Amino acid sequence: MIFALFLKNVLLLAGLILLVKWLPCRWIRFRVLNRFRSTIQFFSRPAVSIITVFILSFVLSATITTFKKPVPRVHDEFSYLLAADTFSQGRLTNQTHPFWKHFQSFHIIHKPTYASKYPPGQGLFMAAGQVMTGDPLVGVWLSIGLASAAICWMFQAWVPPRWAFAGGLMSAFHPLMLIWGQNYFGGGVAILGAALLFGALRRLMIFPEARMTFTLGLGLFFLAITRPFEGLLTAVFSMIIFFAWIVTQRQFSKRVIFHSVILPLSMISICIGGALAFYNWRVTESLTRFPYQVHEETYSPTPLFIWSAPREVKNDLPHIESFHSGWSLNEYQKHQDPRGYFFSVFKKSLKFLIQMLYFPLCTLLLTLPWGLKNPWTQIALSILLSVILIHLFCMTFFQIFYLAPVIPLVFYVLIQGARHWRAAHWKNHSQGTVFLFGLIILYFTILIPQMINYVPSGYQLALSRARLIDQLKQMPEKDLVFVKYSADHDTLFDWVYNRADIENAEVVWANILTNEENQKLIEHFADHQVWWIDVDSKQIKLRPLSTTAPVYVF
């Protein structure tokens, strides 16, 4: 199937090249495309292009939502929703519920406090959406829009203005950004931070000034509160290149560098470290212990780094134990022999390339050998490849949003490829211009049907849960729902997720424990209607606890 898709794409590209060779490109360029010259010049203005890209990206995310309602599906999304709900109520964490064992789930801690295990960045943006509109998804759209706008701003220091605008549009219309705008675990905040970092870094290489250093620091802050490890790698490699550049160029005095870069950056780093330490202290009661560490030590035997040894961890709930000792630990074990290790690295690399270099964007890389003559492309590739290779070769797990801190550099390399396609391989610029417009048409011809028909795995199951919650909220009483899992339950999808304030939630989801523990929970929520549900039956049926007759069928 992959070979057939590859062959199809090659034929499409070859057909486009032949068509460009045959078409009267000079006439098309001067009679048709040049009519848009003044429009392109207007939108290439720095402020106009940034605002346009932000609005376009935000509106795109909101528009796609009208076709298919986004619902949380996977573990990570519910964890981020817990963070958003917590922050929106003005708290950094929540008190441990006295019956917390019933509410255990994935990527959430209950001891010493009840919180998401993830860094707070994504949750903060979602909380902003929840506070402003009542919907945390609006915060996701905001992060995606700001990320695309920040990429446009970054490119204004790396490429000419019209290409910066094109880069912003490329990010706004990229499938990953569109999909991340429809779920709750996307990498928008990390991309925003990375774009601010790279944009400020390039400007500081031209002229060091404190204002731009603070912009760089803001980017570091967003990276620290979203992807701390990958963000740290990106920041370290960026700073190494920056100071190497300063030393070799010798354009600025040591005094200027100290007062404009080193001193402000040191102050910013202390503030970022202090903010993270305070958050850790509130959630884990330790300045240096991250919620992520507490969760892994409590629930997961699987180490994050492939050279570490598994932990001795045992979970009381069978489906949680099955996930961590089954799927999760299996990902680690794949890396423990040379053959499995390199095959896993290959699969992760292929996954990144397929998702990031969506056809026909991948064709822009064919001009990479010519792009390597540009020193800024060399710098971008050195940071990009360093971070990607360290992650692929050292980390147990991989999702593409883990590498969000270097995605702006991928867009930069693609834009450089587009510039070389236009100029380097044709008899005249007219053919190059027409080819790129043909590539854009081909891109949207493929993208639009795929986005319309895109259905993420587990969507129907997640939709059933969302509809069930809506039905329960319409009832006069609050509800307590016990969830039953079968022995072969798909542990990638869970049902027991609750609001930050469990005690006052309209619907409370609970795991089934012993009869005695279940009875105590029922007595605690005496004013709640009690239900039970078998989520692995052919039809998902909600039943009152006192009878086996179905009340609702989904």
Protein backbone atom coordinates (compact mmCIF):
# COMPACT_ATOMS: atom_id res chain seq x y z
CA MET A 1 0.00 0.00 0.00
CA ILE A 2 2.82 2.40 0.88
CA PHE A 3 4.56 1.61 -2.41
CA ALA A 4 1.33 2.21 -4.35
CA LEU A 5 0.87 5.57 -2.62
CA PHE A 6 4.50 6.48 -3.34
CA LEU A 7 4.10 5.55 -7.02
CA LYS A 8 0.90 7.59 -7.25
CA ASN A 9 2.62 10.65 -5.78
CA VAL A 10 5.61 10.29 -8.13
CA LEU A 11 3.28 10.12 -11.13
CA LEU A 12 1.37 13.19 -9.94
CA LEU A 13 4.60 15.15 -9.54
CA ALA A 14 5.92 14.02 -12.92
CA GLY A 15 2.63 14.97 -14.52
CA LEU A 16 2.76 18.43 -12.96
CA ILE A 17 6.34 19.00 -14.18
CA LEU A 18 5.42 17.92 -17.73
CA LEU A 19 2.35 20.14 -17.64
CA VAL A 20 4.46 23.13 -16.60
CA LYS A 21 6.89 22.42 -19.45
CA TRP A 22 3.98 22.38 -21.89
CA LEU A 23 1.95 25.34 -20.59
CA PRO A 24 2.57 28.94 -21.76
CA CYS A 25 4.02 29.84 -18.36
CA ARG A 26 5.21 33.30 -19.29
CA TRP A 27 1.70 34.25 -20.41
CA ILE A 28 0.15 32.72 -17.27
CA ARG A 29 2.60 34.54 -15.03
CA PHE A 30 2.27 38.00 -16.58
CA ARG A 31 -1.40 37.86 -17.62
CA VAL A 32 -2.89 35.95 -14.69
CA LEU A 33 -0.63 35.69 -11.64
CA ASN A 34 0.78 39.21 -11.82
CA ARG A 35 -2.72 40.57 -11.28
CA PHE A 36 -2.31 39.45 -7.69
CA ARG A 37 1.05 41.21 -7.27
CA SER A 38 -0.37 44.21 -5.41
CA THR A 39 -2.43 41.92 -3.15
CA ILE A 40 0.64 39.83 -2.33
CA GLN A 41 2.66 42.97 -1.61
CA PHE A 42 -0.05 44.22 0.75
CA PHE A 43 -0.26 40.97 2.69
CA SER A 44 3.54 40.74 2.81
CA ARG A 45 3.73 43.74 5.11
CA PRO A 46 5.04 42.51 8.50
CA ALA A 47 2.09 43.43 10.71
CA VAL A 48 -0.54 42.64 8.08
CA SER A 49 0.86 39.18 7.35
CA ILE A 50 1.09 38.22 11.04
CA ILE A 51 -2.48 39.35 11.78
CA THR A 52 -3.81 37.70 8.61
CA VAL A 53 -2.18 34.36 9.39
CA PHE A 54 -3.49 34.41 12.96
CA ILE A 55 -7.07 35.20 11.92
CA LEU A 56 -6.99 32.66 9.10
CA SER A 57 -5.63 29.88 11.32
CA PHE A 58 -8.13 30.60 14.10
CA VAL A 59 -11.08 30.75 11.70
CA LEU A 60 -9.97 27.53 9.96
CA SER A 61 -9.96 25.66 13.28
CA ALA A 62 -13.38 27.03 14.22
CA THR A 63 -14.82 26.24 10.78
CA ILE A 64 -13.63 22.62 10.73
CA THR A 65 -15.34 22.12 14.09
CA THR A 66 -18.72 22.82 12.51
CA PHE A 67 -18.34 19.74 10.27
CA LYS A 68 -17.29 17.28 12.98
CA LYS A 69 -17.66 17.99 16.68
CA PRO A 70 -14.35 17.36 18.46
CA VAL A 71 -14.64 15.16 21.54
CA PRO A 72 -11.82 14.02 23.83
CA ARG A 73 -10.77 10.46 22.95
CA VAL A 74 -7.40 9.45 24.32
CA HIS A 75 -5.87 9.55 27.79
CA ASP A 76 -3.78 12.67 27.22
CA GLU A 77 -6.75 14.81 26.24
CA PHE A 78 -8.67 14.13 29.45
CA SER A 79 -5.57 14.90 31.49
CA TYR A 80 -5.19 18.27 29.78
CA LEU A 81 -8.91 18.94 30.30
CA LEU A 82 -8.43 18.32 34.02
CA ALA A 83 -5.60 20.88 34.03
CA ALA A 84 -7.76 23.40 32.16
CA ASP A 85 -10.69 22.88 34.53
CA THR A 86 -8.38 23.30 37.53
CA PHE A 87 -6.73 26.48 36.24
CA SER A 88 -10.05 28.00 35.14
CA GLN A 89 -11.22 27.82 38.78
CA GLY A 90 -8.16 29.77 39.93
CA ARG A 91 -6.25 26.79 41.35
CA LEU A 92 -2.98 25.12 40.39
CA THR A 93 -4.10 21.75 41.74
CA ASN A 94 -6.91 20.06 43.69
CA GLN A 95 -7.20 18.35 47.04
CA THR A 96 -7.09 14.56 47.03
CA HIS A 97 -10.62 13.15 47.20
CA PRO A 98 -11.25 10.82 50.19
CA PHE A 99 -12.40 8.11 47.75
CA TRP A 100 -9.64 8.78 45.21
CA LYS A 101 -9.01 5.09 44.48
CA HIS A 102 -12.33 4.95 42.62
CA PHE A 103 -11.23 7.84 40.38
CA GLN A 104 -7.81 6.60 39.28
CA SER A 105 -7.15 6.92 35.56
CA PHE A 106 -4.39 7.53 33.04
CA HIS A 107 -1.94 10.47 33.12
CA ILE A 108 -3.47 11.81 36.34
CA ILE A 109 -2.11 11.81 39.89
CA HIS A 110 -4.17 11.72 43.10
CA LYS A 111 -1.35 11.82 45.66
CA PRO A 112 -0.17 14.17 47.11
CA THR A 113 -2.74 16.24 45.18
CA TYR A 114 -5.23 15.61 42.37
CA ALA A 115 -3.80 16.99 39.11
CA SER A 116 -2.71 16.32 35.54
CA LYS A 117 0.77 14.85 35.21
CA TYR A 118 1.61 17.13 32.28
CA PRO A 119 3.35 20.52 32.33
CA PRO A 120 0.82 23.38 32.61
CA GLY A 121 1.23 25.10 29.22
CA GLN A 122 -1.53 23.42 27.20
CA GLY A 123 -3.88 23.50 30.18
CA LEU A 124 -3.35 27.25 30.67
CA PHE A 125 -4.39 28.05 27.10
CA MET A 126 -7.39 25.73 27.35
CA ALA A 127 -8.32 27.35 30.66
CA ALA A 128 -8.26 30.74 28.92
CA GLY A 129 -10.73 29.42 26.36
CA GLN A 130 -12.91 27.95 29.11
CA VAL A 131 -12.96 31.21 31.07
CA MET A 132 -13.63 33.42 28.02
CA THR A 133 -16.22 31.27 26.23
CA GLY A 134 -16.98 28.24 28.37
CA ASP A 135 -15.25 25.95 25.86
CA PRO A 136 -11.60 24.91 26.37
CA LEU A 137 -11.34 24.10 22.66
CA VAL A 138 -11.30 27.85 21.94
CA GLY A 139 -8.04 27.99 23.87
CA VAL A 140 -6.67 25.30 21.55
CA TRP A 141 -7.66 27.38 18.51
CA LEU A 142 -5.96 30.38 20.11
CA SER A 143 -2.71 28.44 20.59
CA ILE A 144 -2.76 27.16 17.00
CA GLY A 145 -3.48 30.64 15.63
CA LEU A 146 -0.71 32.23 17.68
CA ALA A 147 1.69 29.44 16.66
CA SER A 148 1.06 30.08 12.95
CA ALA A 149 1.37 33.84 13.45
CA ALA A 150 4.62 33.35 15.39
CA ILE A 151 6.02 31.23 12.55
CA CYS A 152 5.21 34.07 10.15
CA TRP A 153 6.99 36.52 12.50
CA MET A 154 9.97 34.15 12.79
CA PHE A 155 10.27 33.85 9.00
CA GLN A 156 10.37 37.63 8.60
CA ALA A 157 13.90 37.44 10.02
CA TRP A 158 14.90 34.37 8.00
CA VAL A 159 13.45 34.92 4.49
CA PRO A 160 12.07 37.82 2.39
CA PRO A 161 8.63 39.20 3.44
CA ARG A 162 6.46 37.46 0.83
CA TRP A 163 8.08 34.11 1.64
CA ALA A 164 7.52 34.77 5.34
CA PHE A 165 3.82 35.22 4.59
CA ALA A 166 3.88 32.02 2.52
CA GLY A 167 5.50 30.19 5.45
CA GLY A 168 2.78 31.40 7.79
CA LEU A 169 0.12 30.19 5.37
CA MET A 170 1.91 26.84 5.01
CA SER A 171 1.77 26.33 8.77
CA ALA A 172 -1.87 27.43 9.02
CA PHE A 173 -2.95 24.97 6.30
CA HIS A 174 -0.70 22.09 7.32
CA PRO A 175 -2.73 18.93 8.16
CA LEU A 176 -1.04 18.58 11.55
CA MET A 177 -2.00 22.10 12.59
CA LEU A 178 -5.55 21.56 11.35
CA ILE A 179 -5.86 18.27 13.25
CA TRP A 180 -4.27 19.70 16.40
CA GLY A 181 -6.89 22.44 16.30
CA GLN A 182 -9.52 19.71 16.75
CA ASN A 183 -8.11 17.90 19.77
CA TYR A 184 -6.85 18.71 23.24
CA PHE A 185 -3.23 17.49 23.17
CA GLY A 186 -1.83 19.40 20.21
CA GLY A 187 1.59 21.03 20.03
CA GLY A 188 0.45 24.59 19.34
CA VAL A 189 1.88 26.14 22.52
CA ALA A 190 5.27 24.44 22.05
CA ILE A 191 5.40 25.58 18.40
CA LEU A 192 4.56 29.12 19.54
CA GLY A 193 7.47 29.03 21.96
CA ALA A 194 9.87 27.59 19.40
CA ALA A 195 8.93 30.16 16.75
CA LEU A 196 9.53 33.00 19.22
CA LEU A 197 12.88 31.44 20.14
CA PHE A 198 14.10 31.05 16.54
CA GLY A 199 12.74 34.40 15.40
CA ALA A 200 14.41 36.24 18.27
CA LEU A 201 17.63 34.24 17.85
CA ARG A 202 17.99 35.27 14.22
CA ARG A 203 17.37 38.93 15.07
CA LEU A 204 19.87 38.83 17.94
CA MET A 205 22.50 37.59 15.50
CA ILE A 206 21.95 40.77 13.51
CA PHE A 207 21.92 43.12 16.49
CA PRO A 208 21.83 42.12 20.19
CA GLU A 209 19.21 44.04 22.18
CA ALA A 210 17.48 43.34 25.49
CA ARG A 211 13.96 43.64 24.02
CA MET A 212 14.59 40.75 21.65
CA THR A 213 16.24 38.73 24.41
CA PHE A 214 13.04 39.01 26.44
CA THR A 215 11.09 37.77 23.39
CA LEU A 216 13.48 34.82 23.24
CA GLY A 217 12.88 34.29 26.95
CA LEU A 218 9.12 34.21 26.38
CA GLY A 219 9.68 31.47 23.82
CA LEU A 220 11.79 29.54 26.34
CA PHE A 221 8.99 29.91 28.89
CA PHE A 222 6.41 28.39 26.54
CA LEU A 223 8.78 25.52 25.76
CA ALA A 224 9.48 24.90 29.46
CA ILE A 225 5.78 24.63 30.35
CA THR A 226 4.92 22.31 27.44
CA ARG A 227 7.85 20.11 26.30
CA PRO A 228 10.60 20.56 28.93
CA PHE A 229 13.01 17.91 27.62
CA GLU A 230 12.73 18.62 23.89
CA GLY A 231 12.51 22.34 24.63
CA LEU A 232 15.71 22.16 26.66
CA LEU A 233 17.51 20.35 23.83
CA THR A 234 16.30 22.94 21.33
CA ALA A 235 17.34 25.83 23.58
CA VAL A 236 20.79 24.38 24.30
CA PHE A 237 21.65 23.77 20.64
CA SER A 238 20.28 27.20 19.69
CA MET A 239 22.37 28.94 22.35
CA ILE A 240 25.51 27.02 21.33
CA ILE A 241 25.09 28.18 17.75
CA PHE A 242 24.26 31.74 18.83
CA PHE A 243 27.35 32.18 21.00
CA ALA A 244 29.55 30.43 18.43
CA TRP A 245 28.26 32.92 15.87
CA ILE A 246 28.94 35.88 18.17
CA VAL A 247 32.48 34.70 18.92
CA THR A 248 33.41 34.03 15.29
CA GLN A 249 31.84 37.19 13.85
CA ARG A 250 33.26 39.56 16.50
CA GLN A 251 30.88 42.33 15.49
CA PHE A 252 29.80 43.30 19.00
CA SER A 253 31.69 44.11 22.19
CA LYS A 254 31.59 41.84 25.23
CA ARG A 255 29.85 44.62 27.15
CA VAL A 256 27.00 44.78 24.62
CA ILE A 257 26.59 40.99 24.64
CA PHE A 258 26.57 40.88 28.45
CA HIS A 259 24.04 43.69 28.97
CA SER A 260 21.82 42.86 25.99
CA VAL A 261 21.81 39.05 26.07
CA ILE A 262 23.57 37.28 28.94
CA LEU A 263 22.18 39.36 31.82
CA PRO A 264 18.52 39.45 30.62
CA LEU A 265 18.66 35.77 29.64
CA SER A 266 20.00 34.81 33.07
CA MET A 267 17.20 36.74 34.77
CA ILE A 268 14.60 35.11 32.54
CA SER A 269 16.02 31.63 33.17
CA ILE A 270 15.84 32.19 36.94
CA CYS A 271 12.21 33.33 36.63
CA ILE A 272 11.28 30.30 34.50
CA GLY A 273 12.98 27.94 36.94
CA GLY A 274 11.25 29.64 39.86
CA ALA A 275 7.83 29.40 38.20
CA LEU A 276 8.27 25.68 37.49
CA ALA A 277 9.57 25.06 41.02
CA PHE A 278 6.54 26.85 42.51
CA TYR A 279 4.16 24.81 40.34
CA ASN A 280 5.92 21.59 41.36
CA TRP A 281 5.69 22.58 45.03
CA ARG A 282 1.95 23.22 44.82
CA VAL A 283 1.25 19.95 42.98
CA THR A 284 3.82 17.49 44.34
CA GLU A 285 4.90 19.31 47.52
CA SER A 286 8.48 19.30 46.21
CA LEU A 287 10.29 22.10 44.37
CA THR A 288 12.23 19.69 42.16
CA ARG A 289 9.75 16.86 41.63
CA PHE A 290 7.57 17.20 38.55
CA PRO A 291 4.01 15.79 38.48
CA TYR A 292 5.17 13.65 35.56
CA GLN A 293 7.75 11.98 37.80
CA VAL A 294 5.18 11.28 40.51
CA HIS A 295 2.84 9.67 38.00
CA GLU A 296 5.51 7.46 36.45
CA GLU A 297 6.83 6.33 39.83
CA THR A 298 3.29 5.55 41.00
CA TYR A 299 1.79 3.84 37.97
CA SER A 300 4.29 3.04 35.22
CA PRO A 301 7.14 0.51 35.21
CA THR A 302 8.32 1.82 31.83
CA PRO A 303 11.31 4.22 31.82
CA LEU A 304 11.30 7.20 29.46
CA PHE A 305 14.89 6.60 28.37
CA ILE A 306 15.73 3.31 26.70
CA TRP A 307 18.91 2.74 28.76
CA SER A 308 17.08 2.96 32.11
CA ALA A 309 15.83 -0.12 33.97
CA PRO A 310 12.09 -0.78 34.44
CA ARG A 311 10.57 0.08 37.82
CA GLU A 312 8.78 -2.31 40.15
CA VAL A 313 5.25 -0.92 40.03
CA LYS A 314 1.94 -2.71 40.60
CA ASN A 315 -1.48 -1.19 39.89
CA ASP A 316 -4.65 -2.22 41.74
CA LEU A 317 -6.95 -1.72 38.75
CA PRO A 318 -6.61 -4.42 36.06
CA HIS A 319 -7.11 -2.16 33.03
CA ILE A 320 -4.49 0.35 34.27
CA GLU A 321 -2.08 -2.48 35.05
CA SER A 322 -2.73 -3.98 31.61
CA PHE A 323 -1.87 -0.71 29.88
CA HIS A 324 1.33 0.03 31.78
CA SER A 325 2.64 -3.54 31.98
CA GLY A 326 1.37 -4.42 28.51
CA TRP A 327 1.39 -1.84 25.72
CA SER A 328 3.60 0.67 27.54
CA LEU A 329 6.27 -1.79 28.71
CA ASN A 330 6.24 -3.49 25.31
CA GLU A 331 7.31 -0.20 23.69
CA TYR A 332 10.35 -0.19 25.96
CA GLN A 333 11.19 -3.86 25.36
CA LYS A 334 11.23 -3.32 21.59
CA HIS A 335 14.36 -1.21 22.06
CA GLN A 336 16.30 -3.75 24.11
CA ASP A 337 17.84 -5.79 21.28
CA PRO A 338 19.75 -4.27 18.32
CA ARG A 339 17.31 -5.45 15.66
CA GLY A 340 14.24 -4.24 17.54
CA TYR A 341 15.98 -1.00 18.48
CA PHE A 342 16.83 0.05 14.94
CA PHE A 343 13.47 -1.12 13.62
CA SER A 344 11.70 1.00 16.25
CA VAL A 345 13.86 4.02 15.39
CA PHE A 346 13.07 3.47 11.70
CA LYS A 347 9.32 3.28 12.40
CA LYS A 348 9.40 6.45 14.50
CA SER A 349 11.38 8.26 11.79
CA LEU A 350 8.95 7.13 9.10
CA LYS A 351 6.01 8.25 11.22
CA PHE A 352 7.53 11.71 11.60
CA LEU A 353 8.28 12.04 7.89
CA ILE A 354 4.84 10.87 6.75
CA GLN A 355 2.94 13.13 9.15
CA MET A 356 5.18 16.18 8.75
CA LEU A 357 6.12 16.05 5.06
CA TYR A 358 2.59 15.66 3.73
CA PHE A 359 2.53 15.19 -0.07
CA PRO A 360 3.22 17.27 -2.09
CA LEU A 361 5.20 19.24 0.53
CA CYS A 362 7.86 16.52 0.53
CA THR A 363 8.74 17.40 -3.06
CA LEU A 364 10.11 20.73 -1.82
CA LEU A 365 12.98 18.81 -0.18
CA LEU A 366 14.29 17.70 -3.57
CA THR A 367 16.10 21.04 -3.83
CA LEU A 368 17.75 20.61 -0.42
CA PRO A 369 21.27 20.12 -1.88
CA TRP A 370 21.09 23.64 -3.33
CA GLY A 371 19.61 25.01 -0.10
CA LEU A 372 22.59 23.75 1.90
CA LYS A 373 24.68 26.54 0.41
CA ASN A 374 22.72 28.95 2.60
CA PRO A 375 24.35 29.27 6.08
CA TRP A 376 20.96 29.81 7.75
CA THR A 377 19.68 26.58 6.25
CA GLN A 378 22.77 24.85 7.62
CA ILE A 379 22.06 26.29 11.08
CA ALA A 380 18.39 25.28 10.92
CA LEU A 381 19.22 21.73 9.83
CA SER A 382 21.91 21.31 12.49
CA ILE A 383 19.45 22.19 15.29
CA LEU A 384 16.61 20.24 13.67
CA LEU A 385 18.55 17.02 13.12
CA SER A 386 20.29 17.16 16.51
CA VAL A 387 17.03 17.34 18.45
CA ILE A 388 15.23 14.77 16.28
CA LEU A 389 18.05 12.21 16.37
CA ILE A 390 18.55 12.47 20.13
CA HIS A 391 14.83 11.99 20.68
CA LEU A 392 14.48 9.09 18.25
CA PHE A 393 17.53 7.22 19.53
CA CYS A 394 17.09 7.85 23.26
CA MET A 395 13.37 8.00 24.11
CA THR A 396 11.02 5.06 24.58
CA PHE A 397 7.84 6.70 23.30
CA PHE A 398 7.17 8.84 20.25
CA GLN A 399 4.36 11.07 19.08
CA ILE A 400 4.95 13.81 16.55
CA PHE A 401 3.88 16.57 18.95
CA TYR A 402 6.82 15.57 21.16
CA LEU A 403 8.98 17.23 18.48
CA ALA A 404 6.87 20.39 18.27
CA PRO A 405 9.86 22.54 19.39
CA VAL A 406 11.62 21.94 16.05
CA ILE A 407 8.60 21.98 13.73
CA PRO A 408 9.10 25.70 12.83
CA LEU A 409 12.51 24.71 11.42
CA VAL A 410 10.85 22.04 9.27
CA PHE A 411 8.60 24.72 7.80
CA TYR A 412 11.66 26.90 7.21
CA VAL A 413 13.43 24.13 5.29
CA LEU A 414 10.29 23.59 3.20
CA ILE A 415 10.02 27.30 2.39
CA GLN A 416 13.66 27.36 1.33
CA GLY A 417 12.88 24.38 -0.88
CA ALA A 418 10.01 26.30 -2.47
CA ARG A 419 12.30 29.25 -3.17
CA HIS A 420 14.81 27.00 -4.93
CA TRP A 421 12.11 25.19 -6.90
CA ARG A 422 10.99 28.55 -8.22
CA ALA A 423 14.44 29.78 -9.20
CA ALA A 424 16.91 26.97 -9.73
CA HIS A 425 15.53 24.36 -12.11
CA TRP A 426 13.73 26.15 -14.93
CA LYS A 427 14.54 28.07 -18.06
CA ASN A 428 12.88 31.12 -16.52
CA HIS A 429 11.13 32.24 -13.33
CA SER A 430 7.75 31.94 -15.04
CA GLN A 431 7.93 28.14 -15.11
CA GLY A 432 9.04 28.05 -11.48
CA THR A 433 6.20 30.34 -10.40
CA VAL A 434 3.57 28.33 -12.29
CA PHE A 435 4.99 25.08 -10.88
CA LEU A 436 4.59 26.32 -7.30
CA PHE A 437 1.02 27.45 -7.94
CA GLY A 438 0.32 24.06 -9.49
CA LEU A 439 1.80 22.44 -6.39
CA ILE A 440 -0.54 24.52 -4.21
CA ILE A 441 -3.57 23.43 -6.26
CA LEU A 442 -2.46 19.79 -6.04
CA TYR A 443 -1.96 20.18 -2.28
CA PHE A 444 -5.49 21.41 -1.66
CA THR A 445 -6.97 18.88 -4.08
CA ILE A 446 -5.54 16.13 -1.86
CA LEU A 447 -5.97 17.88 1.50
CA ILE A 448 -9.63 18.96 1.40
CA PRO A 449 -11.22 15.51 0.82
CA GLN A 450 -8.93 13.93 3.42
CA MET A 451 -9.79 16.53 6.06
CA ILE A 452 -13.52 16.17 5.34
CA ASN A 453 -13.37 12.38 5.64
CA TYR A 454 -10.91 12.30 8.55
CA VAL A 455 -12.21 10.27 11.49
CA PRO A 456 -9.71 9.66 14.32
CA SER A 457 -9.55 6.23 15.91
CA GLY A 458 -11.97 5.78 18.79
CA TYR A 459 -14.09 8.75 17.70
CA GLN A 460 -17.43 6.92 17.82
CA LEU A 461 -16.72 5.53 21.27
CA ALA A 462 -15.74 8.98 22.52
CA LEU A 463 -18.85 10.46 20.93
CA SER A 464 -20.98 7.89 22.78
CA ARG A 465 -19.46 8.97 26.08
CA ALA A 466 -20.02 12.66 25.28
CA ARG A 467 -23.67 12.03 24.34
CA LEU A 468 -24.18 10.03 27.50
CA ILE A 469 -22.87 12.91 29.62
CA ASP A 470 -25.23 15.32 27.83
CA GLN A 471 -28.17 13.00 28.59
CA LEU A 472 -27.23 12.68 32.25
CA LYS A 473 -26.85 16.44 32.66
CA GLN A 474 -30.46 16.92 31.54
CA MET A 475 -31.70 14.91 34.53
CA PRO A 476 -32.71 16.75 37.71
CA GLU A 477 -30.37 14.74 39.96
CA LYS A 478 -26.61 14.45 39.94
CA ASP A 479 -25.25 11.11 38.78
CA LEU A 480 -22.68 8.56 39.90
CA VAL A 481 -21.67 6.09 37.16
CA PHE A 482 -19.73 2.91 37.89
CA VAL A 483 -17.75 1.71 34.87
CA LYS A 484 -17.25 -1.98 34.14
CA TYR A 485 -14.40 -3.11 31.87
CA SER A 486 -14.02 -6.53 30.27
CA ALA A 487 -10.79 -8.53 30.42
CA ASP A 488 -10.02 -7.64 26.78
CA HIS A 489 -10.81 -3.92 27.12
CA ASP A 490 -8.88 -1.62 24.77
CA THR A 491 -6.80 0.24 27.35
CA LEU A 492 -5.99 3.08 24.94
CA PHE A 493 -9.52 4.38 25.62
CA ASP A 494 -10.81 4.97 29.14
CA TRP A 495 -14.08 6.26 30.61
CA VAL A 496 -13.26 7.22 34.20
CA TYR A 497 -12.36 10.89 33.93
CA ASN A 498 -13.80 13.58 36.15
CA ARG A 499 -13.91 17.33 36.64
CA ALA A 500 -11.45 19.11 38.90
CA ASP A 501 -14.12 19.47 41.61
CA ILE A 502 -15.33 15.87 41.82
CA GLU A 503 -17.49 16.52 44.88
CA ASN A 504 -19.73 19.03 43.06
CA ALA A 505 -19.60 17.60 39.53
CA GLU A 506 -22.90 16.88 37.78
CA VAL A 507 -21.61 13.47 36.63
CA VAL A 508 -19.08 11.45 38.62
CA TRP A 509 -17.34 8.48 36.97
CA ALA A 510 -15.98 5.70 39.18
CA ASN A 511 -14.09 2.44 38.88
CA ILE A 512 -15.67 -0.65 40.41
CA LEU A 513 -13.71 -1.84 43.46
CA THR A 514 -14.81 -4.21 46.25
CA ASN A 515 -18.47 -4.33 47.32
CA GLU A 516 -17.61 -2.67 50.61
CA GLU A 517 -15.70 0.18 48.95
CA ASN A 518 -18.43 0.65 46.34
CA GLN A 519 -21.09 0.88 49.06
CA LYS A 520 -19.11 3.52 50.95
CA LEU A 521 -18.83 5.61 47.77
CA ILE A 522 -22.58 5.29 47.15
CA GLU A 523 -23.29 6.42 50.72
CA HIS A 524 -20.92 9.37 50.28
CA PHE A 525 -22.80 10.49 47.15
CA ALA A 526 -26.19 9.80 48.71
CA ASP A 527 -27.89 12.56 46.71
CA HIS A 528 -26.73 11.07 43.37
CA GLN A 529 -28.60 8.71 41.07
CA VAL A 530 -26.37 5.62 40.83
CA TRP A 531 -25.77 3.84 37.51
CA TRP A 532 -23.46 1.23 36.07
CA ILE A 533 -22.27 0.78 32.51
CA ASP A 534 -20.48 -1.97 30.59
CA VAL A 535 -18.36 -0.07 28.07
CA ASP A 536 -17.21 -3.20 26.23
CA SER A 537 -20.63 -4.65 25.39
CA LYS A 538 -21.86 -4.60 21.80
CA GLN A 539 -24.30 -1.87 22.76
CA ILE A 540 -23.21 0.57 25.43
CA LYS A 541 -26.06 0.49 27.96
CA LEU A 542 -26.53 2.66 31.00
CA ARG A 543 -28.47 0.88 33.77
CA PRO A 544 -29.64 1.90 37.23
CA LEU A 545 -27.63 -0.02 39.80
CA SER A 546 -30.76 -1.72 41.18
CA THR A 547 -31.86 -3.37 37.93
CA THR A 548 -30.49 -4.94 34.77
CA ALA A 549 -33.02 -3.25 32.48
CA PRO A 550 -31.37 -0.78 30.06
CA VAL A 551 -32.40 2.84 30.37
CA TYR A 552 -30.42 4.39 27.51
CA VAL A 553 -28.87 2.70 24.50
CA PHE A 554 -26.14 4.43 22.47
